[in-house]
Each structure stands twice: as structure tokens, then as C-alpha cells.
């Protein structure tokens, strides 16, 4: 058990050392030539940039095509809703297009997109 913790700590320290070196010595990232001649760029981001920008962008492309400003529907109870806020857990907030009623905690899995993107007018 203790060896596993020590191994993880060593790997983490080496990773941090490499990340620091890339951040301080490479302006656009570290370029590596692969066997076939293709170039690959390794870029290291701060924890805040990864959490606030990169992870949500990756999550949006992987989990589905919903984003803020999309109009979605469940073809039933809620009708058409404009998405105003997305959560990381697959839930969203929005307002009804018909009556302006605000909804919270709706599951993206139960909705489908109607309109790609509308300008939000929130007062």
C-alpha cells in the first residue's frame, strides 16, 4: 500500500517538473516529432484555465451539442426552453419561450435541440 502511494507521488512530482519546464521554456508549447514525421504539440495550462475553459469546452463537445442560448424541447410538459446556464452534471437552467417562466435543474438527456442559438435578453 505504501509503495503505491510513493509511486504516485514520484510520478506526480515528475509530471509537475515537466509541466514547469514547458511553461517556462516554451512559448507556444513543446513540439515533438513523431516517428512518421508528424509534429505534436504539448501545451500545459494552469489549473484554473483547465478547470474554467478547457474542461467545459471538451465536456460540451463530448456530452452533447447543447450550449447557452440553444432552444430545446421535451415535446410535452415544459415546451420550448431557452438555455441560460449549463451545469457540469448535465443539468441546465432556462426560461420558457412561451411565457418566460424560469426553470432550474432540468436534465439535458430528456430534451432535444430545436433552434441552434438565439440571442439571450436577460433583464
N, C-alpha and C. Protein backbone atom coordinates (compact mmCIF):
# COMPACT_ATOMS: atom_id res chain seq x y z
N UNK A 1 0.83 -1.19 0.00
CA UNK A 1 0.00 0.00 0.00
C UNK A 1 0.87 1.26 0.00
N UNK A 2 1.91 1.22 0.82
CA UNK A 2 2.79 2.39 0.93
C UNK A 2 3.59 2.61 -0.35
N UNK A 3 3.97 1.51 -1.03
CA UNK A 3 4.71 1.63 -2.28
C UNK A 3 3.87 2.31 -3.35
N UNK A 4 2.59 1.98 -3.39
CA UNK A 4 1.70 2.58 -4.39
C UNK A 4 1.60 4.09 -4.18
N UNK A 5 1.47 4.52 -2.93
CA UNK A 5 1.40 5.95 -2.64
C UNK A 5 2.69 6.65 -3.02
N UNK A 6 3.82 6.02 -2.72
CA UNK A 6 5.12 6.60 -3.05
C UNK A 6 5.30 6.69 -4.56
N UNK A 7 4.88 5.64 -5.28
CA UNK A 7 4.99 5.64 -6.73
C UNK A 7 4.14 6.76 -7.34
N UNK A 8 2.90 6.94 -6.85
CA UNK A 8 2.03 8.01 -7.35
C UNK A 8 2.64 9.38 -7.07
N UNK A 9 3.24 9.53 -5.91
CA UNK A 9 3.84 10.83 -5.56
C UNK A 9 5.04 11.13 -6.46
N UNK A 10 5.86 10.14 -6.73
CA UNK A 10 7.02 10.33 -7.62
C UNK A 10 6.56 10.69 -9.02
N UNK A 11 5.56 9.97 -9.53
CA UNK A 11 5.04 10.26 -10.87
C UNK A 11 4.46 11.67 -10.92
N UNK A 12 3.73 12.07 -9.88
CA UNK A 12 3.15 13.40 -9.83
C UNK A 12 4.24 14.48 -9.79
N UNK A 13 5.28 14.26 -9.02
CA UNK A 13 6.38 15.23 -8.94
C UNK A 13 7.10 15.36 -10.29
N UNK A 14 7.32 14.25 -10.96
CA UNK A 14 7.96 14.29 -12.28
C UNK A 14 7.08 15.04 -13.27
N UNK A 15 5.77 14.76 -13.24
CA UNK A 15 4.83 15.46 -14.12
C UNK A 15 4.83 16.95 -13.87
N UNK A 16 4.85 17.35 -12.59
CA UNK A 16 4.90 18.78 -12.24
C UNK A 16 6.19 19.42 -12.72
N UNK A 17 7.30 18.70 -12.60
CA UNK A 17 8.58 19.21 -13.05
C UNK A 17 8.58 19.43 -14.56
N UNK A 18 8.05 18.48 -15.31
CA UNK A 18 7.96 18.61 -16.77
C UNK A 18 7.04 19.77 -17.14
N UNK A 19 5.91 19.88 -16.47
CA UNK A 19 4.97 20.96 -16.76
C UNK A 19 5.61 22.32 -16.50
N UNK A 20 6.33 22.47 -15.39
CA UNK A 20 7.03 23.73 -15.09
C UNK A 20 8.05 24.06 -16.17
N UNK A 21 8.78 23.05 -16.62
CA UNK A 21 9.80 23.28 -17.65
C UNK A 21 9.14 23.75 -18.95
N UNK A 22 8.03 23.11 -19.36
CA UNK A 22 7.34 23.51 -20.59
C UNK A 22 6.81 24.93 -20.46
N UNK A 23 6.20 25.26 -19.32
CA UNK A 23 5.64 26.60 -19.12
C UNK A 23 6.71 27.68 -19.17
N UNK A 24 7.89 27.40 -18.62
CA UNK A 24 8.94 28.42 -18.55
C UNK A 24 9.82 28.49 -19.80
N UNK A 25 9.93 27.40 -20.56
CA UNK A 25 10.87 27.37 -21.67
C UNK A 25 10.24 27.35 -23.06
N UNK A 26 8.95 27.11 -23.17
CA UNK A 26 8.31 27.00 -24.48
C UNK A 26 7.15 27.98 -24.55
N UNK A 27 7.23 28.91 -25.48
CA UNK A 27 6.21 29.94 -25.58
C UNK A 27 4.86 29.39 -26.04
N UNK A 28 4.84 28.59 -27.11
CA UNK A 28 3.59 28.06 -27.64
C UNK A 28 3.37 26.60 -27.30
N UNK A 29 4.24 25.99 -26.57
CA UNK A 29 4.14 24.58 -26.26
C UNK A 29 5.37 23.84 -26.76
N UNK A 30 5.53 22.64 -26.32
CA UNK A 30 6.67 21.82 -26.69
C UNK A 30 6.33 21.02 -27.94
N UNK A 31 7.11 21.18 -29.01
CA UNK A 31 6.87 20.49 -30.27
C UNK A 31 7.71 19.22 -30.29
N UNK A 32 7.04 18.10 -30.55
CA UNK A 32 7.70 16.80 -30.60
C UNK A 32 7.50 16.21 -31.99
N UNK A 33 8.56 15.68 -32.59
CA UNK A 33 8.47 15.00 -33.89
C UNK A 33 8.19 13.53 -33.64
N UNK A 34 7.13 13.02 -34.27
CA UNK A 34 6.78 11.61 -34.14
C UNK A 34 7.53 10.78 -35.18
N UNK A 35 7.44 9.45 -35.09
CA UNK A 35 8.16 8.56 -36.00
C UNK A 35 7.84 8.82 -37.46
N UNK A 36 6.58 9.06 -37.77
CA UNK A 36 6.16 9.28 -39.15
C UNK A 36 6.49 10.66 -39.67
N UNK A 37 7.06 11.52 -38.83
CA UNK A 37 7.41 12.87 -39.24
C UNK A 37 6.40 13.92 -38.83
N UNK A 38 5.27 13.48 -38.31
CA UNK A 38 4.24 14.44 -37.87
C UNK A 38 4.71 15.16 -36.60
N UNK A 39 4.28 16.41 -36.47
CA UNK A 39 4.62 17.18 -35.28
C UNK A 39 3.45 17.15 -34.31
N UNK A 40 3.77 17.02 -33.04
CA UNK A 40 2.77 17.04 -31.99
C UNK A 40 3.17 18.11 -30.99
N UNK A 41 2.20 18.92 -30.56
CA UNK A 41 2.48 19.99 -29.61
C UNK A 41 1.92 19.62 -28.25
N UNK A 42 2.74 19.75 -27.23
CA UNK A 42 2.32 19.53 -25.85
C UNK A 42 2.21 20.91 -25.21
N UNK A 43 1.03 21.24 -24.73
CA UNK A 43 0.82 22.53 -24.08
C UNK A 43 0.30 22.28 -22.68
N UNK A 44 0.85 22.97 -21.71
CA UNK A 44 0.44 22.83 -20.32
C UNK A 44 -0.29 24.11 -19.92
N UNK A 45 -1.44 23.94 -19.27
CA UNK A 45 -2.24 25.06 -18.82
C UNK A 45 -2.28 25.11 -17.30
N UNK A 46 -2.58 26.27 -16.76
CA UNK A 46 -2.73 26.38 -15.31
C UNK A 46 -3.98 25.61 -14.90
N UNK A 47 -4.07 25.28 -13.62
CA UNK A 47 -5.22 24.53 -13.12
C UNK A 47 -6.51 25.32 -13.33
N UNK A 48 -6.47 26.63 -13.12
CA UNK A 48 -7.67 27.45 -13.28
C UNK A 48 -8.11 27.48 -14.75
N UNK A 49 -7.17 27.63 -15.67
CA UNK A 49 -7.51 27.66 -17.09
C UNK A 49 -8.10 26.32 -17.53
N UNK A 50 -7.54 25.24 -17.04
CA UNK A 50 -8.06 23.93 -17.40
C UNK A 50 -9.48 23.75 -16.87
N UNK A 51 -9.68 24.11 -15.60
CA UNK A 51 -10.98 23.93 -14.96
C UNK A 51 -12.06 24.82 -15.57
N UNK A 52 -11.72 26.07 -15.86
CA UNK A 52 -12.72 27.05 -16.30
C UNK A 52 -12.91 27.14 -17.81
N UNK A 53 -11.91 26.77 -18.59
CA UNK A 53 -12.00 26.96 -20.04
C UNK A 53 -11.94 25.63 -20.80
N UNK A 54 -10.89 24.87 -20.58
CA UNK A 54 -10.64 23.69 -21.40
C UNK A 54 -11.60 22.55 -21.07
N UNK A 55 -11.73 22.19 -19.80
CA UNK A 55 -12.62 21.09 -19.42
C UNK A 55 -14.07 21.33 -19.83
N UNK A 56 -14.64 22.53 -19.59
CA UNK A 56 -16.01 22.74 -20.07
C UNK A 56 -16.15 22.65 -21.59
N UNK A 57 -15.15 23.13 -22.32
CA UNK A 57 -15.22 23.06 -23.78
C UNK A 57 -15.18 21.61 -24.25
N UNK A 58 -14.31 20.81 -23.66
CA UNK A 58 -14.23 19.40 -24.02
C UNK A 58 -15.52 18.69 -23.63
N UNK A 59 -16.03 18.99 -22.44
CA UNK A 59 -17.25 18.36 -21.96
C UNK A 59 -18.42 18.68 -22.89
N UNK A 60 -18.51 19.94 -23.36
CA UNK A 60 -19.60 20.32 -24.26
C UNK A 60 -19.54 19.56 -25.57
N UNK A 61 -18.34 19.35 -26.11
CA UNK A 61 -18.24 18.65 -27.38
C UNK A 61 -18.48 17.16 -27.22
N UNK A 62 -18.13 16.61 -26.05
CA UNK A 62 -18.28 15.18 -25.83
C UNK A 62 -19.70 14.84 -25.41
N UNK A 63 -20.26 15.56 -24.44
CA UNK A 63 -21.53 15.20 -23.85
C UNK A 63 -22.72 15.51 -24.74
N UNK A 64 -22.63 16.48 -25.55
CA UNK A 64 -23.78 16.80 -26.37
C UNK A 64 -23.58 18.13 -27.05
N UNK A 65 -24.59 18.49 -27.78
CA UNK A 65 -24.45 19.70 -28.57
C UNK A 65 -25.19 20.88 -27.94
N UNK A 66 -25.57 20.80 -26.68
CA UNK A 66 -26.26 21.91 -26.03
C UNK A 66 -25.26 22.95 -25.57
N UNK A 67 -25.65 24.22 -25.71
CA UNK A 67 -24.85 25.31 -25.17
C UNK A 67 -25.80 26.44 -24.78
N UNK A 68 -25.28 27.41 -24.08
CA UNK A 68 -26.09 28.54 -23.64
C UNK A 68 -26.64 29.27 -24.86
N UNK A 69 -27.94 29.50 -24.85
CA UNK A 69 -28.59 30.18 -25.96
C UNK A 69 -29.36 29.25 -26.87
N UNK A 70 -29.18 27.93 -26.72
CA UNK A 70 -29.93 26.98 -27.53
C UNK A 70 -31.38 26.90 -27.04
N UNK A 71 -32.29 26.61 -27.96
CA UNK A 71 -33.68 26.39 -27.61
C UNK A 71 -33.92 24.89 -27.69
N UNK A 72 -34.42 24.32 -26.59
CA UNK A 72 -34.64 22.88 -26.50
C UNK A 72 -36.10 22.60 -26.15
N UNK A 73 -36.52 21.37 -26.38
CA UNK A 73 -37.88 20.98 -26.04
C UNK A 73 -37.91 19.53 -25.59
N UNK A 74 -38.94 19.21 -24.78
CA UNK A 74 -39.17 17.83 -24.39
C UNK A 74 -40.44 17.28 -25.04
N UNK A 75 -41.03 18.06 -25.95
CA UNK A 75 -42.26 17.69 -26.64
C UNK A 75 -43.37 17.29 -25.66
N UNK A 76 -43.48 18.06 -24.60
CA UNK A 76 -44.50 17.70 -23.62
C UNK A 76 -44.70 18.78 -22.58
N UNK A 77 -44.37 18.46 -21.37
CA UNK A 77 -44.68 19.28 -20.21
C UNK A 77 -44.06 20.68 -20.26
N UNK A 78 -42.78 20.79 -20.55
CA UNK A 78 -42.08 22.08 -20.48
C UNK A 78 -42.24 22.93 -21.74
N UNK A 79 -42.36 22.33 -22.88
CA UNK A 79 -42.41 23.08 -24.12
C UNK A 79 -41.00 23.53 -24.52
N UNK A 80 -40.90 24.69 -25.18
CA UNK A 80 -39.61 25.19 -25.63
C UNK A 80 -38.97 26.03 -24.54
N UNK A 81 -37.68 25.74 -24.28
CA UNK A 81 -36.93 26.44 -23.23
C UNK A 81 -35.62 26.95 -23.82
N UNK A 82 -35.28 28.19 -23.48
CA UNK A 82 -34.01 28.77 -23.89
C UNK A 82 -33.02 28.52 -22.76
N UNK A 83 -31.89 27.89 -23.05
CA UNK A 83 -30.89 27.56 -22.04
C UNK A 83 -30.12 28.82 -21.66
N UNK A 84 -30.08 29.13 -20.36
CA UNK A 84 -29.33 30.29 -19.87
C UNK A 84 -28.09 29.90 -19.10
N UNK A 85 -28.02 28.68 -18.59
CA UNK A 85 -26.87 28.25 -17.78
C UNK A 85 -26.77 26.73 -17.85
N UNK A 86 -25.54 26.24 -18.04
CA UNK A 86 -25.29 24.80 -18.08
C UNK A 86 -24.47 24.39 -16.86
N UNK A 87 -24.81 23.25 -16.25
CA UNK A 87 -24.03 22.68 -15.16
C UNK A 87 -23.12 21.60 -15.72
N UNK A 88 -22.14 21.19 -14.93
CA UNK A 88 -21.22 20.14 -15.35
C UNK A 88 -21.86 18.76 -15.30
N UNK A 89 -22.94 18.62 -14.54
CA UNK A 89 -23.55 17.31 -14.34
C UNK A 89 -24.61 16.97 -15.39
N UNK A 90 -24.74 17.78 -16.45
CA UNK A 90 -25.73 17.50 -17.47
C UNK A 90 -27.08 18.13 -17.18
N UNK A 91 -27.12 19.10 -16.29
CA UNK A 91 -28.35 19.81 -15.98
C UNK A 91 -28.23 21.26 -16.45
N UNK A 92 -29.37 21.91 -16.67
CA UNK A 92 -29.33 23.29 -17.13
C UNK A 92 -30.47 24.11 -16.53
N UNK A 93 -30.31 25.43 -16.63
CA UNK A 93 -31.34 26.38 -16.25
C UNK A 93 -31.79 27.08 -17.51
N UNK A 94 -33.02 27.58 -17.50
CA UNK A 94 -33.50 28.31 -18.66
C UNK A 94 -34.85 28.94 -18.39
N UNK A 95 -35.40 29.56 -19.41
CA UNK A 95 -36.72 30.15 -19.29
C UNK A 95 -37.59 29.70 -20.46
N UNK A 96 -38.88 29.60 -20.17
CA UNK A 96 -39.83 29.18 -21.19
C UNK A 96 -39.97 30.24 -22.27
N UNK A 97 -39.94 29.82 -23.49
CA UNK A 97 -40.03 30.76 -24.61
C UNK A 97 -41.44 31.34 -24.71
N UNK A 98 -42.42 30.58 -24.31
CA UNK A 98 -43.81 30.99 -24.44
C UNK A 98 -44.22 32.00 -23.36
N UNK A 99 -43.94 31.68 -22.10
CA UNK A 99 -44.41 32.51 -21.00
C UNK A 99 -43.31 33.15 -20.16
N UNK A 100 -42.05 32.85 -20.42
CA UNK A 100 -40.94 33.44 -19.68
C UNK A 100 -40.70 32.84 -18.30
N UNK A 101 -41.37 31.75 -17.99
CA UNK A 101 -41.20 31.09 -16.69
C UNK A 101 -39.79 30.51 -16.57
N UNK A 102 -39.17 30.66 -15.40
CA UNK A 102 -37.80 30.21 -15.18
C UNK A 102 -37.81 28.77 -14.67
N UNK A 103 -36.92 27.95 -15.24
CA UNK A 103 -36.79 26.55 -14.85
C UNK A 103 -35.36 26.29 -14.39
N UNK A 104 -35.22 25.40 -13.40
CA UNK A 104 -33.91 25.04 -12.85
C UNK A 104 -33.77 23.53 -12.78
N UNK A 105 -32.56 23.05 -12.93
CA UNK A 105 -32.26 21.63 -12.70
C UNK A 105 -32.90 20.68 -13.71
N UNK A 106 -33.00 21.09 -14.96
CA UNK A 106 -33.55 20.22 -15.99
C UNK A 106 -32.44 19.35 -16.58
N UNK A 107 -32.74 18.10 -16.83
CA UNK A 107 -31.76 17.13 -17.32
C UNK A 107 -31.67 17.21 -18.84
N UNK A 108 -30.45 17.37 -19.36
CA UNK A 108 -30.25 17.50 -20.80
C UNK A 108 -30.64 16.23 -21.56
N UNK A 109 -30.61 15.08 -20.90
CA UNK A 109 -30.92 13.82 -21.56
C UNK A 109 -32.38 13.73 -21.99
N UNK A 110 -33.26 14.52 -21.36
CA UNK A 110 -34.68 14.46 -21.66
C UNK A 110 -35.12 15.49 -22.71
N UNK A 111 -34.16 16.24 -23.26
CA UNK A 111 -34.50 17.31 -24.19
C UNK A 111 -33.77 17.12 -25.52
N UNK A 112 -34.31 17.75 -26.55
CA UNK A 112 -33.64 17.78 -27.85
C UNK A 112 -33.63 19.21 -28.34
N UNK A 113 -32.65 19.52 -29.18
CA UNK A 113 -32.47 20.89 -29.66
C UNK A 113 -33.49 21.21 -30.75
N UNK A 114 -34.05 22.43 -30.65
CA UNK A 114 -35.00 22.91 -31.66
C UNK A 114 -34.32 23.97 -32.52
N UNK A 115 -33.72 24.96 -31.88
CA UNK A 115 -33.04 26.05 -32.56
C UNK A 115 -31.61 26.10 -32.06
N UNK A 116 -30.66 26.31 -32.98
CA UNK A 116 -29.24 26.29 -32.62
C UNK A 116 -28.80 27.32 -31.62
N UNK A 117 -29.11 28.59 -31.86
CA UNK A 117 -28.64 29.62 -30.94
C UNK A 117 -29.48 30.87 -31.12
N UNK A 118 -29.94 31.44 -30.02
CA UNK A 118 -30.67 32.71 -30.07
C UNK A 118 -29.97 33.69 -29.15
N UNK A 119 -30.12 34.97 -29.42
CA UNK A 119 -29.55 35.98 -28.53
C UNK A 119 -30.36 36.04 -27.25
N UNK A 120 -29.67 35.94 -26.12
CA UNK A 120 -30.35 35.99 -24.84
C UNK A 120 -30.60 37.43 -24.44
N UNK A 121 -31.80 37.70 -23.98
CA UNK A 121 -32.13 39.03 -23.49
C UNK A 121 -32.59 38.87 -22.05
N UNK A 122 -31.65 38.94 -21.13
CA UNK A 122 -31.96 38.77 -19.71
C UNK A 122 -31.89 40.13 -19.03
N UNK A 123 -32.98 40.50 -18.38
CA UNK A 123 -33.01 41.78 -17.66
C UNK A 123 -32.66 41.60 -16.22
